[in-house]
Amino acid sequence: VQLQAFGGGFVQAGGSLRLSCAASGRTVSLYTMGWFRQTPGKDREFVAATNYRDRRTYYADSVKGRFAISRDNAENTVYLQMNSLKPEDTAVYYCASSPYAYYTKSGDDYDYWGQGTLVTVSS
């Protein structure tokens, strides 16, 4: 199983980016998929997830209303649309796949991870 995350970059505050997570060896429609982020010296932080079981979406309070997670089953890809970006959103973003049917924000419940893509938001 491989998850390849891309789409990060440099953007000014208030701007938008869309991250993509292309999966191979695992069908994203059959798994709970999530996005996490991490900055140097800090613990990995849950950002968003979409359930396998009922397709509901969940967000960290810090990104609710600004970020949106979605799937494209035909492309076997998960996306994270990020709008109204803030400097505090600067981080390396990771996509991950979980065998659990329902949402989980614990990174320990995800068994495959992408390599990370850097998002930098300037003030």
PDB file of N, CA and C in Angstrom:
ATOM      1  N   VAL A   1       0.849  -1.188   0.000  1.00  0.00           N
ATOM      2  CA  VAL A   1       0.000   0.000   0.000  1.00  0.00           C
ATOM      3  C   VAL A   1       0.884   1.237   0.000  1.00  0.00           C
ATOM      4  N   GLN A   2       0.560   2.163  -0.871  1.00  0.00           N
ATOM      5  CA  GLN A   2       1.281   3.439  -0.900  1.00  0.00           C
ATOM      6  C   GLN A   2       0.287   4.582  -0.965  1.00  0.00           C
ATOM      7  N   LEU A   3       0.552   5.596  -0.160  1.00  0.00           N
ATOM      8  CA  LEU A   3      -0.211   6.830  -0.195  1.00  0.00           C
ATOM      9  C   LEU A   3       0.742   7.948  -0.573  1.00  0.00           C
ATOM     10  N   GLN A   4       0.413   8.666  -1.621  1.00  0.00           N
ATOM     11  CA  GLN A   4       1.285   9.747  -2.068  1.00  0.00           C
ATOM     12  C   GLN A   4       0.546  11.065  -1.921  1.00  0.00           C
ATOM     13  N   ALA A   5       1.043  11.903  -1.018  1.00  0.00           N
ATOM     14  CA  ALA A   5       0.436  13.203  -0.781  1.00  0.00           C
ATOM     15  C   ALA A   5       1.188  14.270  -1.558  1.00  0.00           C
ATOM     16  N   PHE A   6       0.450  15.163  -2.184  1.00  0.00           N
ATOM     17  CA  PHE A   6       1.074  16.273  -2.891  1.00  0.00           C
ATOM     18  C   PHE A   6       0.098  17.441  -2.953  1.00  0.00           C
ATOM     19  N   GLY A   7       0.607  18.575  -3.418  1.00  0.00           N
ATOM     20  CA  GLY A   7      -0.229  19.760  -3.535  1.00  0.00           C
ATOM     21  C   GLY A   7       0.132  20.866  -2.567  1.00  0.00           C
ATOM     22  N   GLY A   8       1.090  20.620  -1.679  1.00  0.00           N
ATOM     23  CA  GLY A   8       1.505  21.666  -0.765  1.00  0.00           C
ATOM     24  C   GLY A   8       2.246  22.767  -1.490  1.00  0.00           C
ATOM     25  N   GLY A   9       2.511  23.838  -0.766  1.00  0.00           N
ATOM     26  CA  GLY A   9       3.227  24.949  -1.371  1.00  0.00           C
ATOM     27  C   GLY A   9       3.210  26.151  -0.472  1.00  0.00           C
ATOM     28  N   PHE A  10       3.530  27.280  -1.065  1.00  0.00           N
ATOM     29  CA  PHE A  10       3.615  28.551  -0.352  1.00  0.00           C
ATOM     30  C   PHE A  10       2.423  29.413  -0.752  1.00  0.00           C
ATOM     31  N   VAL A  11       1.721  29.939   0.246  1.00  0.00           N
ATOM     32  CA  VAL A  11       0.541  30.743  -0.049  1.00  0.00           C
ATOM     33  C   VAL A  11       0.433  31.853   0.989  1.00  0.00           C
ATOM     34  N   GLN A  12      -0.136  32.959   0.594  1.00  0.00           N
ATOM     35  CA  GLN A  12      -0.355  34.055   1.538  1.00  0.00           C
ATOM     36  C   GLN A  12      -1.593  33.781   2.389  1.00  0.00           C
ATOM     37  N   ALA A  13      -1.617  34.380   3.561  1.00  0.00           N
ATOM     38  CA  ALA A  13      -2.771  34.243   4.442  1.00  0.00           C
ATOM     39  C   ALA A  13      -4.043  34.643   3.701  1.00  0.00           C
ATOM     40  N   GLY A  14      -5.087  33.855   3.889  1.00  0.00           N
ATOM     41  CA  GLY A  14      -6.346  34.088   3.203  1.00  0.00           C
ATOM     42  C   GLY A  14      -6.483  33.301   1.917  1.00  0.00           C
ATOM     43  N   GLY A  15      -5.387  32.714   1.455  1.00  0.00           N
ATOM     44  CA  GLY A  15      -5.400  31.955   0.224  1.00  0.00           C
ATOM     45  C   GLY A  15      -5.895  30.536   0.404  1.00  0.00           C
ATOM     46  N   SER A  16      -5.827  29.771  -0.686  1.00  0.00           N
ATOM     47  CA  SER A  16      -6.336  28.401  -0.700  1.00  0.00           C
ATOM     48  C   SER A  16      -5.322  27.456  -1.329  1.00  0.00           C
ATOM     49  N   LEU A  17      -5.400  26.218  -0.908  1.00  0.00           N
ATOM     50  CA  LEU A  17      -4.629  25.130  -1.510  1.00  0.00           C
ATOM     51  C   LEU A  17      -5.496  23.878  -1.477  1.00  0.00           C
ATOM     52  N   ARG A  18      -5.247  22.979  -2.406  1.00  0.00           N
ATOM     53  CA  ARG A  18      -5.898  21.672  -2.362  1.00  0.00           C
ATOM     54  C   ARG A  18      -4.828  20.597  -2.330  1.00  0.00           C
ATOM     55  N   LEU A  19      -4.851  19.816  -1.278  1.00  0.00           N
ATOM     56  CA  LEU A  19      -3.938  18.684  -1.162  1.00  0.00           C
ATOM     57  C   LEU A  19      -4.605  17.438  -1.722  1.00  0.00           C
ATOM     58  N   SER A  20      -3.785  16.593  -2.332  1.00  0.00           N
ATOM     59  CA  SER A  20      -4.277  15.331  -2.881  1.00  0.00           C
ATOM     60  C   SER A  20      -3.519  14.178  -2.242  1.00  0.00           C
ATOM     61  N   CYS A  21      -4.184  13.060  -2.115  1.00  0.00           N
ATOM     62  CA  CYS A  21      -3.573  11.840  -1.580  1.00  0.00           C
ATOM     63  C   CYS A  21      -3.976  10.700  -2.499  1.00  0.00           C
ATOM     64  N   ALA A  22      -3.051  10.292  -3.351  1.00  0.00           N
ATOM     65  CA  ALA A  22      -3.319   9.215  -4.301  1.00  0.00           C
ATOM     66  C   ALA A  22      -2.914   7.884  -3.679  1.00  0.00           C
ATOM     67  N   ALA A  23      -3.826   6.926  -3.708  1.00  0.00           N
ATOM     68  CA  ALA A  23      -3.581   5.632  -3.077  1.00  0.00           C
ATOM     69  C   ALA A  23      -3.360   4.551  -4.124  1.00  0.00           C
ATOM     70  N   SER A  24      -2.475   3.632  -3.792  1.00  0.00           N
ATOM     71  CA  SER A  24      -2.294   2.428  -4.593  1.00  0.00           C
ATOM     72  C   SER A  24      -2.190   1.248  -3.640  1.00  0.00           C
ATOM     73  N   GLY A  25      -2.780   0.136  -4.043  1.00  0.00           N
ATOM     74  CA  GLY A  25      -2.760  -1.040  -3.191  1.00  0.00           C
ATOM     75  C   GLY A  25      -3.863  -1.074  -2.155  1.00  0.00           C
ATOM     76  N   ARG A  26      -4.663  -0.038  -2.101  1.00  0.00           N
ATOM     77  CA  ARG A  26      -5.791   0.033  -1.169  1.00  0.00           C
ATOM     78  C   ARG A  26      -6.852   0.924  -1.818  1.00  0.00           C
ATOM     79  N   THR A  27      -8.102   0.486  -1.762  1.00  0.00           N
ATOM     80  CA  THR A  27      -9.201   1.241  -2.343  1.00  0.00           C
ATOM     81  C   THR A  27      -9.741   2.212  -1.303  1.00  0.00           C
ATOM     82  N   VAL A  28      -9.596   3.501  -1.545  1.00  0.00           N
ATOM     83  CA  VAL A  28      -9.923   4.497  -0.517  1.00  0.00           C
ATOM     84  C   VAL A  28     -11.395   4.466  -0.137  1.00  0.00           C
ATOM     85  N   SER A  29     -12.266   4.013  -1.044  1.00  0.00           N
ATOM     86  CA  SER A  29     -13.698   3.978  -0.741  1.00  0.00           C
ATOM     87  C   SER A  29     -14.027   2.941   0.325  1.00  0.00           C
ATOM     88  N   LEU A  30     -13.088   2.051   0.615  1.00  0.00           N
ATOM     89  CA  LEU A  30     -13.337   0.970   1.567  1.00  0.00           C
ATOM     90  C   LEU A  30     -12.668   1.216   2.919  1.00  0.00           C
ATOM     91  N   TYR A  31     -12.090   2.393   3.105  1.00  0.00           N
ATOM     92  CA  TYR A  31     -11.360   2.676   4.339  1.00  0.00           C
ATOM     93  C   TYR A  31     -11.678   4.079   4.828  1.00  0.00           C
ATOM     94  N   THR A  32     -11.544   4.244   6.137  1.00  0.00           N
ATOM     95  CA  THR A  32     -11.565   5.589   6.709  1.00  0.00           C
ATOM     96  C   THR A  32     -10.254   6.278   6.345  1.00  0.00           C
ATOM     97  N   MET A  33     -10.354   7.496   5.854  1.00  0.00           N
ATOM     98  CA  MET A  33      -9.180   8.250   5.420  1.00  0.00           C
ATOM     99  C   MET A  33      -9.072   9.536   6.224  1.00  0.00           C
ATOM    100  N   GLY A  34      -7.845   9.915   6.530  1.00  0.00           N
ATOM    101  CA  GLY A  34      -7.658  11.103   7.345  1.00  0.00           C
ATOM    102  C   GLY A  34      -6.486  11.943   6.887  1.00  0.00           C
ATOM    103  N   TRP A  35      -6.472  13.175   7.362  1.00  0.00           N
ATOM    104  CA  TRP A  35      -5.350  14.096   7.185  1.00  0.00           C
ATOM    105  C   TRP A  35      -4.880  14.539   8.564  1.00  0.00           C
ATOM    106  N   PHE A  36      -3.568  14.597   8.708  1.00  0.00           N
ATOM    107  CA  PHE A  36      -2.930  15.073   9.923  1.00  0.00           C
ATOM    108  C   PHE A  36      -1.887  16.109   9.530  1.00  0.00           C
ATOM    109  N   ARG A  37      -1.397  16.845  10.503  1.00  0.00           N
ATOM    110  CA  ARG A  37      -0.321  17.792  10.238  1.00  0.00           C
ATOM    111  C   ARG A  37       0.631  17.836  11.417  1.00  0.00           C
ATOM    112  N   GLN A  38       1.834  18.287  11.126  1.00  0.00           N
ATOM    113  CA  GLN A  38       2.853  18.364  12.183  1.00  0.00           C
ATOM    114  C   GLN A  38       3.816  19.497  11.894  1.00  0.00           C
ATOM    115  N   THR A  39       4.149  20.237  12.946  1.00  0.00           N
ATOM    116  CA  THR A  39       5.176  21.265  12.866  1.00  0.00           C
ATOM    117  C   THR A  39       6.334  20.852  13.771  1.00  0.00           C
ATOM    118  N   PRO A  40       7.544  21.367  13.509  1.00  0.00           N
ATOM    119  CA  PRO A  40       8.708  20.966  14.305  1.00  0.00           C
ATOM    120  C   PRO A  40       8.495  21.223  15.794  1.00  0.00           C
ATOM    121  N   GLY A  41       8.814  20.221  16.593  1.00  0.00           N
ATOM    122  CA  GLY A  41       8.714  20.364  18.029  1.00  0.00           C
ATOM    123  C   GLY A  41       7.339  20.139  18.603  1.00  0.00           C
ATOM    124  N   LYS A  42       6.374  19.859  17.732  1.00  0.00           N
ATOM    125  CA  LYS A  42       5.004  19.623  18.202  1.00  0.00           C
ATOM    126  C   LYS A  42       4.543  18.223  17.825  1.00  0.00           C
ATOM    127  N   ASP A  43       3.553  17.745  18.562  1.00  0.00           N
ATOM    128  CA  ASP A  43       2.972  16.444  18.255  1.00  0.00           C
ATOM    129  C   ASP A  43       2.157  16.521  16.967  1.00  0.00           C
ATOM    130  N   ARG A  44       2.019  15.388  16.342  1.00  0.00           N
ATOM    131  CA  ARG A  44       1.150  15.284  15.177  1.00  0.00           C
ATOM    132  C   ARG A  44      -0.283  15.627  15.575  1.00  0.00           C
ATOM    133  N   GLU A  45      -0.970  16.364  14.710  1.00  0.00           N
ATOM    134  CA  GLU A  45      -2.301  16.888  15.020  1.00  0.00           C
ATOM    135  C   GLU A  45      -3.313  16.386  13.998  1.00  0.00           C
ATOM    136  N   PHE A  46      -4.437  15.907  14.484  1.00  0.00           N
ATOM    137  CA  PHE A  46      -5.529  15.510  13.607  1.00  0.00           C
ATOM    138  C   PHE A  46      -6.109  16.736  12.922  1.00  0.00           C
ATOM    139  N   VAL A  47      -6.418  16.595  11.632  1.00  0.00           N
ATOM    140  CA  VAL A  47      -7.009  17.703  10.876  1.00  0.00           C
ATOM    141  C   VAL A  47      -8.417  17.358  10.402  1.00  0.00           C
ATOM    142  N   ALA A  48      -8.550  16.227   9.706  1.00  0.00           N
ATOM    143  CA  ALA A  48      -9.860  15.867   9.138  1.00  0.00           C
ATOM    144  C   ALA A  48      -9.886  14.385   8.830  1.00  0.00           C
ATOM    145  N   ALA A  49     -11.112  13.826   8.766  1.00  0.00           N
ATOM    146  CA  ALA A  49     -11.269  12.421   8.403  1.00  0.00           C
ATOM    147  C   ALA A  49     -12.632  12.212   7.762  1.00  0.00           C
ATOM    148  N   THR A  50     -12.702  11.172   6.960  1.00  0.00           N
ATOM    149  CA  THR A  50     -13.981  10.775   6.375  1.00  0.00           C
ATOM    150  C   THR A  50     -14.154   9.280   6.607  1.00  0.00           C
ATOM    151  N   ASN A  51     -15.321   8.934   7.177  1.00  0.00           N
ATOM    152  CA  ASN A  51     -15.610   7.552   7.536  1.00  0.00           C
ATOM    153  C   ASN A  51     -15.762   6.646   6.330  1.00  0.00           C
ATOM    154  N   TYR A  52     -15.382   5.404   6.523  1.00  0.00           N
ATOM    155  CA  TYR A  52     -15.739   4.383   5.542  1.00  0.00           C
ATOM    156  C   TYR A  52     -17.214   4.035   5.662  1.00  0.00           C
ATOM    157  N   ARG A  53     -17.684   3.919   6.902  1.00  0.00           N
ATOM    158  CA  ARG A  53     -19.009   3.342   7.137  1.00  0.00           C
ATOM    159  C   ARG A  53     -20.128   4.211   6.597  1.00  0.00           C
ATOM    160  N   ASP A  54     -20.106   5.509   6.922  1.00  0.00           N
ATOM    161  CA  ASP A  54     -21.247   6.353   6.558  1.00  0.00           C
ATOM    162  C   ASP A  54     -20.853   7.603   5.799  1.00  0.00           C
ATOM    163  N   ARG A  55     -19.591   7.688   5.462  1.00  0.00           N
ATOM    164  CA  ARG A  55     -19.072   8.795   4.644  1.00  0.00           C
ATOM    165  C   ARG A  55     -19.181  10.158   5.339  1.00  0.00           C
ATOM    166  N   ARG A  56     -19.432  10.159   6.615  1.00  0.00           N
ATOM    167  CA  ARG A  56     -19.468  11.442   7.318  1.00  0.00           C
ATOM    168  C   ARG A  56     -18.056  12.005   7.424  1.00  0.00           C
ATOM    169  N   THR A  57     -17.972  13.305   7.599  1.00  0.00           N
ATOM    170  CA  THR A  57     -16.677  13.970   7.706  1.00  0.00           C
ATOM    171  C   THR A  57     -16.526  14.607   9.078  1.00  0.00           C
ATOM    172  N   TYR A  58     -15.293  14.698   9.537  1.00  0.00           N
ATOM    173  CA  TYR A  58     -14.982  15.237  10.858  1.00  0.00           C
ATOM    174  C   TYR A  58     -13.768  16.145  10.744  1.00  0.00           C
ATOM    175  N   TYR A  59     -13.775  17.204  11.538  1.00  0.00           N
ATOM    176  CA  TYR A  59     -12.712  18.195  11.468  1.00  0.00           C
ATOM    177  C   TYR A  59     -12.256  18.605  12.853  1.00  0.00           C
ATOM    178  N   ALA A  60     -10.983  18.966  12.931  1.00  0.00           N
ATOM    179  CA  ALA A  60     -10.494  19.618  14.139  1.00  0.00           C
ATOM    180  C   ALA A  60     -11.166  20.984  14.249  1.00  0.00           C
ATOM    181  N   ASP A  61     -11.379  21.435  15.460  1.00  0.00           N
ATOM    182  CA  ASP A  61     -12.029  22.734  15.661  1.00  0.00           C
ATOM    183  C   ASP A  61     -11.262  23.852  14.976  1.00  0.00           C
ATOM    184  N   SER A  62      -9.952  23.720  14.908  1.00  0.00           N
ATOM    185  CA  SER A  62      -9.111  24.785  14.357  1.00  0.00           C
ATOM    186  C   SER A  62      -9.293  24.977  12.847  1.00  0.00           C
ATOM    187  N   VAL A  63      -9.856  23.967  12.172  1.00  0.00           N
ATOM    188  CA  VAL A  63     -10.007  24.074  10.714  1.00  0.00           C
ATOM    189  C   VAL A  63     -11.467  24.002  10.267  1.00  0.00           C
ATOM    190  N   LYS A  64     -12.367  23.776  11.205  1.00  0.00           N
ATOM    191  CA  LYS A  64     -13.781  23.623  10.867  1.00  0.00           C
ATOM    192  C   LYS A  64     -14.298  24.875  10.165  1.00  0.00           C
ATOM    193  N   GLY A  65     -15.001  24.666   9.066  1.00  0.00           N
ATOM    194  CA  GLY A  65     -15.534  25.778   8.293  1.00  0.00           C
ATOM    195  C   GLY A  65     -14.577  26.319   7.250  1.00  0.00           C
ATOM    196  N   ARG A  66     -13.314  25.902   7.319  1.00  0.00           N
ATOM    197  CA  ARG A  66     -12.310  26.379   6.341  1.00  0.00           C
ATOM    198  C   ARG A  66     -11.777  25.254   5.467  1.00  0.00           C
ATOM    199  N   PHE A  67     -11.689  24.052   6.017  1.00  0.00           N
ATOM    200  CA  PHE A  67     -11.144  22.904   5.292  1.00  0.00           C
ATOM    201  C   PHE A  67     -12.272  21.931   4.955  1.00  0.00           C
ATOM    202  N   ALA A  68     -12.076  21.172   3.871  1.00  0.00           N
ATOM    203  CA  ALA A  68     -13.052  20.159   3.490  1.00  0.00           C
ATOM    204  C   ALA A  68     -12.327  18.937   2.947  1.00  0.00           C
ATOM    205  N   ILE A  69     -12.671  17.772   3.482  1.00  0.00           N
ATOM    206  CA  ILE A  69     -12.093  16.516   3.013  1.00  0.00           C
ATOM    207  C   ILE A  69     -13.101  15.837   2.089  1.00  0.00           C
ATOM    208  N   SER A  70     -12.599  15.236   1.026  1.00  0.00           N
ATOM    209  CA  SER A  70     -13.482  14.563   0.082  1.00  0.00           C
ATOM    210  C   SER A  70     -12.739  13.402  -0.579  1.00  0.00           C
ATOM    211  N   ARG A  71     -13.495  12.529  -1.236  1.00  0.00           N
ATOM    212  CA  ARG A  71     -12.895  11.399  -1.950  1.00  0.00           C
ATOM    213  C   ARG A  71     -13.332  11.431  -3.408  1.00  0.00           C
ATOM    214  N   ASP A  72     -12.468  10.928  -4.273  1.00  0.00           N
ATOM    215  CA  ASP A  72     -12.829  10.643  -5.662  1.00  0.00           C
ATOM    216  C   ASP A  72     -12.561   9.164  -5.857  1.00  0.00           C
ATOM    217  N   ASN A  73     -13.600   8.375  -5.793  1.00  0.00           N
ATOM    218  CA  ASN A  73     -13.410   6.917  -5.851  1.00  0.00           C
ATOM    219  C   ASN A  73     -12.865   6.472  -7.200  1.00  0.00           C
ATOM    220  N   ALA A  74     -13.253   7.152  -8.257  1.00  0.00           N
ATOM    221  CA  ALA A  74     -12.760   6.779  -9.585  1.00  0.00           C
ATOM    222  C   ALA A  74     -11.255   6.989  -9.690  1.00  0.00           C
ATOM    223  N   GLU A  75     -10.763   8.036  -9.037  1.00  0.00           N
ATOM    224  CA  GLU A  75      -9.328   8.335  -9.057  1.00  0.00           C
ATOM    225  C   GLU A  75      -8.593   7.682  -7.894  1.00  0.00           C
ATOM    226  N   ASN A  76      -9.348   7.043  -6.984  1.00  0.00           N
ATOM    227  CA  ASN A  76      -8.761   6.454  -5.776  1.00  0.00           C
ATOM    228  C   ASN A  76      -7.899   7.476  -5.022  1.00  0.00           C
ATOM    229  N   THR A  77      -8.470   8.645  -4.856  1.00  0.00           N
ATOM    230  CA  THR A  77      -7.749   9.786  -4.287  1.00  0.00           C
ATOM    231  C   THR A  77      -8.619  10.476  -3.247  1.00  0.00           C
ATOM    232  N   VAL A  78      -7.960  10.976  -2.206  1.00  0.00           N
ATOM    233  CA  VAL A  78      -8.612  11.777  -1.176  1.00  0.00           C
ATOM    234  C   VAL A  78      -8.041  13.185  -1.247  1.00  0.00           C
ATOM    235  N   TYR A  79      -8.906  14.170  -1.051  1.00  0.00           N
ATOM    236  CA  TYR A  79      -8.493  15.558  -1.143  1.00  0.00           C
ATOM    237  C   TYR A  79      -8.702  16.288   0.177  1.00  0.00           C
ATOM    238  N   LEU A  80      -7.935  17.340   0.359  1.00  0.00           N
ATOM    239  CA  LEU A  80      -8.168  18.273   1.461  1.00  0.00           C
ATOM    240  C   LEU A  80      -8.152  19.673   0.866  1.00  0.00           C
ATOM    241  N   GLN A  81      -9.322  20.255   0.733  1.00  0.00           N
ATOM    242  CA  GLN A  81      -9.435  21.626   0.259  1.00  0.00           C
ATOM    243  C   GLN A  81      -9.264  22.552   1.447  1.00  0.00           C
ATOM    244  N   MET A  82      -8.303  23.448   1.358  1.00  0.00           N
ATOM    245  CA  MET A  82      -7.996  24.348   2.465  1.00  0.00           C
ATOM    246  C   MET A  82      -8.218  25.786   2.010  1.00  0.00           C
ATOM    247  N   ASN A  83      -9.157  26.446   2.633  1.00  0.00           N
ATOM    248  CA  ASN A  83      -9.486  27.837   2.316  1.00  0.00           C
ATOM    249  C   ASN A  83      -9.204  28.733   3.515  1.00  0.00           C
ATOM    250  N   SER A  84      -9.141  30.008   3.257  1.00  0.00           N
ATOM    251  CA  SER A  84      -8.914  31.003   4.318  1.00  0.00           C
ATOM    252  C   SER A  84      -7.730  30.592   5.188  1.00  0.00           C
ATOM    253  N   LEU A  85      -6.648  30.250   4.543  1.00  0.00           N
ATOM    254  CA  LEU A  85      -5.483  29.756   5.266  1.00  0.00           C
ATOM    255  C   LEU A  85      -4.891  30.823   6.177  1.00  0.00           C
ATOM    256  N   LYS A  86      -4.364  30.338   7.300  1.00  0.00           N
ATOM    257  CA  LYS A  86      -3.758  31.208   8.306  1.00  0.00           C
ATOM    258  C   LYS A  86      -2.306  30.780   8.514  1.00  0.00           C
ATOM    259  N   PRO A  87      -1.472  31.690   8.998  1.00  0.00           N
ATOM    260  CA  PRO A  87      -0.070  31.302   9.255  1.00  0.00           C
ATOM    261  C   PRO A  87       0.039  30.081  10.185  1.00  0.00           C
ATOM    262  N   GLU A  88      -0.879  29.945  11.108  1.00  0.00           N
ATOM    263  CA  GLU A  88      -0.818  28.799  12.026  1.00  0.00           C
ATOM    264  C   GLU A  88      -1.186  27.472  11.355  1.00  0.00           C
ATOM    265  N   ASP A  89      -1.614  27.507  10.102  1.00  0.00           N
ATOM    266  CA  ASP A  89      -1.843  26.280   9.348  1.00  0.00           C
ATOM    267  C   ASP A  89      -0.550  25.744   8.734  1.00  0.00           C
ATOM    268  N   THR A  90       0.520  26.506   8.838  1.00  0.00           N
ATOM    269  CA  THR A  90       1.806  26.057   8.313  1.00  0.00           C
ATOM    270  C   THR A  90       2.237  24.770   8.989  1.00  0.00           C
ATOM    271  N   ALA A  91       2.510  23.745   8.184  1.00  0.00           N
ATOM    272  CA  ALA A  91       2.865  22.428   8.722  1.00  0.00           C
ATOM    273  C   ALA A  91       3.155  21.490   7.558  1.00  0.00           C
ATOM    274  N   VAL A  92       3.686  20.328   7.895  1.00  0.00           N
ATOM    275  CA  VAL A  92       3.736  19.223   6.947  1.00  0.00           C
ATOM    276  C   VAL A  92       2.440  18.439   7.118  1.00  0.00           C
ATOM    277  N   TYR A  93       1.742  18.235   6.032  1.00  0.00           N
ATOM    278  CA  TYR A  93       0.454  17.551   6.047  1.00  0.00           C
ATOM    279  C   TYR A  93       0.624  16.119   5.550  1.00  0.00           C
ATOM    280  N   TYR A  94       0.011  15.198   6.284  1.00  0.00           N
ATOM    281  CA  TYR A  94       0.101  13.781   5.959  1.00  0.00           C
ATOM    282  C   TYR A  94      -1.306  13.212   5.749  1.00  0.00           C
ATOM    283  N   CYS A  95      -1.452  12.385   4.736  1.00  0.00           N
ATOM    284  CA  CYS A  95      -2.687  11.620   4.614  1.00  0.00           C
ATOM    285  C   CYS A  95      -2.444  10.235   5.196  1.00  0.00           C
ATOM    286  N   ALA A  96      -3.522   9.607   5.629  1.00  0.00           N
ATOM    287  CA  ALA A  96      -3.405   8.304   6.265  1.00  0.00           C
ATOM    288  C   ALA A  96      -4.673   7.497   6.040  1.00  0.00           C
ATOM    289  N   SER A  97      -4.528   6.198   6.150  1.00  0.00           N
ATOM    290  CA  SER A  97      -5.641   5.279   5.933  1.00  0.00           C
ATOM    291  C   SER A  97      -5.827   4.398   7.166  1.00  0.00           C
ATOM    292  N   SER A  98      -7.075   4.220   7.568  1.00  0.00           N
ATOM    293  CA  SER A  98      -7.368   3.434   8.765  1.00  0.00           C
ATOM    294  C   SER A  98      -8.296   2.271   8.428  1.00  0.00           C
ATOM    295  N   PRO A  99      -8.047   1.106   9.034  1.00  0.00           N
ATOM    296  CA  PRO A  99      -8.949  -0.027   8.809  1.00  0.00           C
ATOM    297  C   PRO A  99     -10.239   0.073   9.622  1.00  0.00           C
ATOM    298  N   TYR A 100     -10.342   1.057  10.513  1.00  0.00           N
ATOM    299  CA  TYR A 100     -11.551   1.228  11.298  1.00  0.00           C
ATOM    300  C   TYR A 100     -12.671   1.768  10.416  1.00  0.00           C
ATOM    301  N   ALA A 101     -13.867   1.282  10.658  1.00  0.00           N
ATOM    302  CA  ALA A 101     -15.011   1.689   9.841  1.00  0.00           C
ATOM    303  C   ALA A 101     -15.489   3.088  10.182  1.00  0.00           C
ATOM    304  N   TYR A 102     -15.216   3.509  11.423  1.00  0.00           N
ATOM    305  CA  TYR A 102     -15.676   4.820  11.849  1.00  0.00           C
ATOM    306  C   TYR A 102     -14.506   5.743  12.116  1.00  0.00           C
ATOM    307  N   TYR A 103     -14.834   7.010  12.119  1.00  0.00           N
ATOM    308  CA  TYR A 103     -13.856   8.077  12.323  1.00  0.00           C
ATOM    309  C   TYR A 103     -12.997   7.849  13.565  1.00  0.00           C
ATOM    310  N   THR A 104     -11.734   8.120  13.441  1.00  0.00           N
ATOM    311  CA  THR A 104     -10.837   8.145  14.580  1.00  0.00           C
ATOM    312  C   THR A 104      -9.836   9.260  14.359  1.00  0.00           C
ATOM    313  N   LYS A 105      -9.538   9.999  15.409  1.00  0.00           N
ATOM    314  CA  LYS A 105      -8.558  11.081  15.289  1.00  0.00           C
ATOM    315  C   LYS A 105      -7.228  10.697  15.924  1.00  0.00           C
ATOM    316  N   SER A 106      -7.115   9.447  16.338  1.00  0.00           N
ATOM    317  CA  SER A 106      -5.849   8.976  16.892  1.00  0.00           C
ATOM    318  C   SER A 106      -4.972   8.446  15.768  1.00  0.00           C
ATOM    319  N   GLY A 107      -3.802   9.003  15.635  1.00  0.00           N
ATOM    320  CA  GLY A 107      -2.884   8.550  14.606  1.00  0.00           C
ATOM    321  C   GLY A 107      -2.516   7.082  14.753  1.00  0.00           C
ATOM    322  N   ASP A 108      -2.597   6.566  15.963  1.00  0.00           N
ATOM    323  CA  ASP A 108      -2.260   5.157  16.199  1.00  0.00           C
ATOM    324  C   ASP A 108      -3.238   4.207  15.515  1.00  0.00           C
ATOM    325  N   ASP A 109      -4.415   4.714  15.146  1.00  0.00           N
ATOM    326  CA  ASP A 109      -5.428   3.873  14.507  1.00  0.00           C
ATOM    327  C   ASP A 109      -5.292   3.847  12.988  1.00  0.00           C
ATOM    328  N   TYR A 110      -4.307   4.531  12.446  1.00  0.00           N
ATOM    329  CA  TYR A 110      -4.071   4.542  11.007  1.00  0.00           C
ATOM    330  C   TYR A 110      -2.848   3.684  10.710  1.00  0.00           C
ATOM    331  N   ASP A 111      -2.974   2.813   9.718  1.00  0.00           N
ATOM    332  CA  ASP A 111      -1.888   1.868   9.487  1.00  0.00           C
ATOM    333  C   ASP A 111      -1.014   2.198   8.284  1.00  0.00           C
ATOM    334  N   TYR A 112      -1.458   3.080   7.420  1.00  0.00           N
ATOM    335  CA  TYR A 112      -0.622   3.499   6.298  1.00  0.00           C
ATOM    336  C   TYR A 112      -0.627   5.024   6.201  1.00  0.00           C
ATOM    337  N   TRP A 113       0.558   5.577   5.892  1.00  0.00           N
ATOM    338  CA  TRP A 113       0.745   7.017   5.852  1.00  0.00           C
ATOM    339  C   TRP A 113       1.442   7.432   4.565  1.00  0.00           C
ATOM    340  N   GLY A 114       1.060   8.610   4.085  1.00  0.00           N
ATOM    341  CA  GLY A 114       1.789   9.194   2.981  1.00  0.00           C
ATOM    342  C   GLY A 114       3.059   9.854   3.478  1.00  0.00           C
ATOM    343  N   GLN A 115       3.840  10.391   2.557  1.00  0.00           N
ATOM    344  CA  GLN A 115       5.157  10.928   2.899  1.00  0.00           C
ATOM    345  C   GLN A 115       5.115  12.352   3.404  1.00  0.00           C
ATOM    346  N   GLY A 116       3.985  13.028   3.297  1.00  0.00           N
ATOM    347  CA  GLY A 116       3.888  14.392   3.775  1.00  0.00           C
ATOM    348  C   GLY A 116       4.140  15.412   2.681  1.00  0.00           C
ATOM    349  N   THR A 117       3.418  16.517   2.775  1.00  0.00           N
ATOM    350  CA  THR A 117       3.604  17.632   1.848  1.00  0.00           C
ATOM    351  C   THR A 117       3.564  18.920   2.653  1.00  0.00           C
ATOM    352  N   LEU A 118       4.511  19.813   2.384  1.00  0.00           N
ATOM    353  CA  LEU A 118       4.686  21.012   3.201  1.00  0.00           C
ATOM    354  C   LEU A 118       3.760  22.133   2.730  1.00  0.00           C
ATOM    355  N   VAL A 119       3.054  22.711   3.671  1.00  0.00           N
ATOM    356  CA  VAL A 119       2.227  23.891   3.434  1.00  0.00           C
ATOM    357  C   VAL A 119       2.798  25.037   4.251  1.00  0.00           C
ATOM    358  N   THR A 120       3.099  26.133   3.581  1.00  0.00           N
ATOM    359  CA  THR A 120       3.633  27.315   4.252  1.00  0.00           C
ATOM    360  C   THR A 120       2.701  28.488   3.968  1.00  0.00           C
ATOM    361  N   VAL A 121       2.196  29.111   5.019  1.00  0.00           N
ATOM    362  CA  VAL A 121       1.279  30.238   4.886  1.00  0.00           C
ATOM    363  C   VAL A 121       1.954  31.466   5.470  1.00  0.00           C
ATOM    364  N   SER A 122       2.143  32.473   4.645  1.00  0.00           N
ATOM    365  CA  SER A 122       2.805  33.692   5.105  1.00  0.00           C
ATOM    366  C   SER A 122       1.769  34.705   5.576  1.00  0.00           C
ATOM    367  N   SER A 123       2.179  35.525   6.516  1.00  0.00           N
ATOM    368  CA  SER A 123       1.263  36.542   7.056  1.00  0.00           C
ATOM    369  C   SER A 123       1.315  37.825   6.249  1.00  0.00           C
TER     370      SER A 123
END
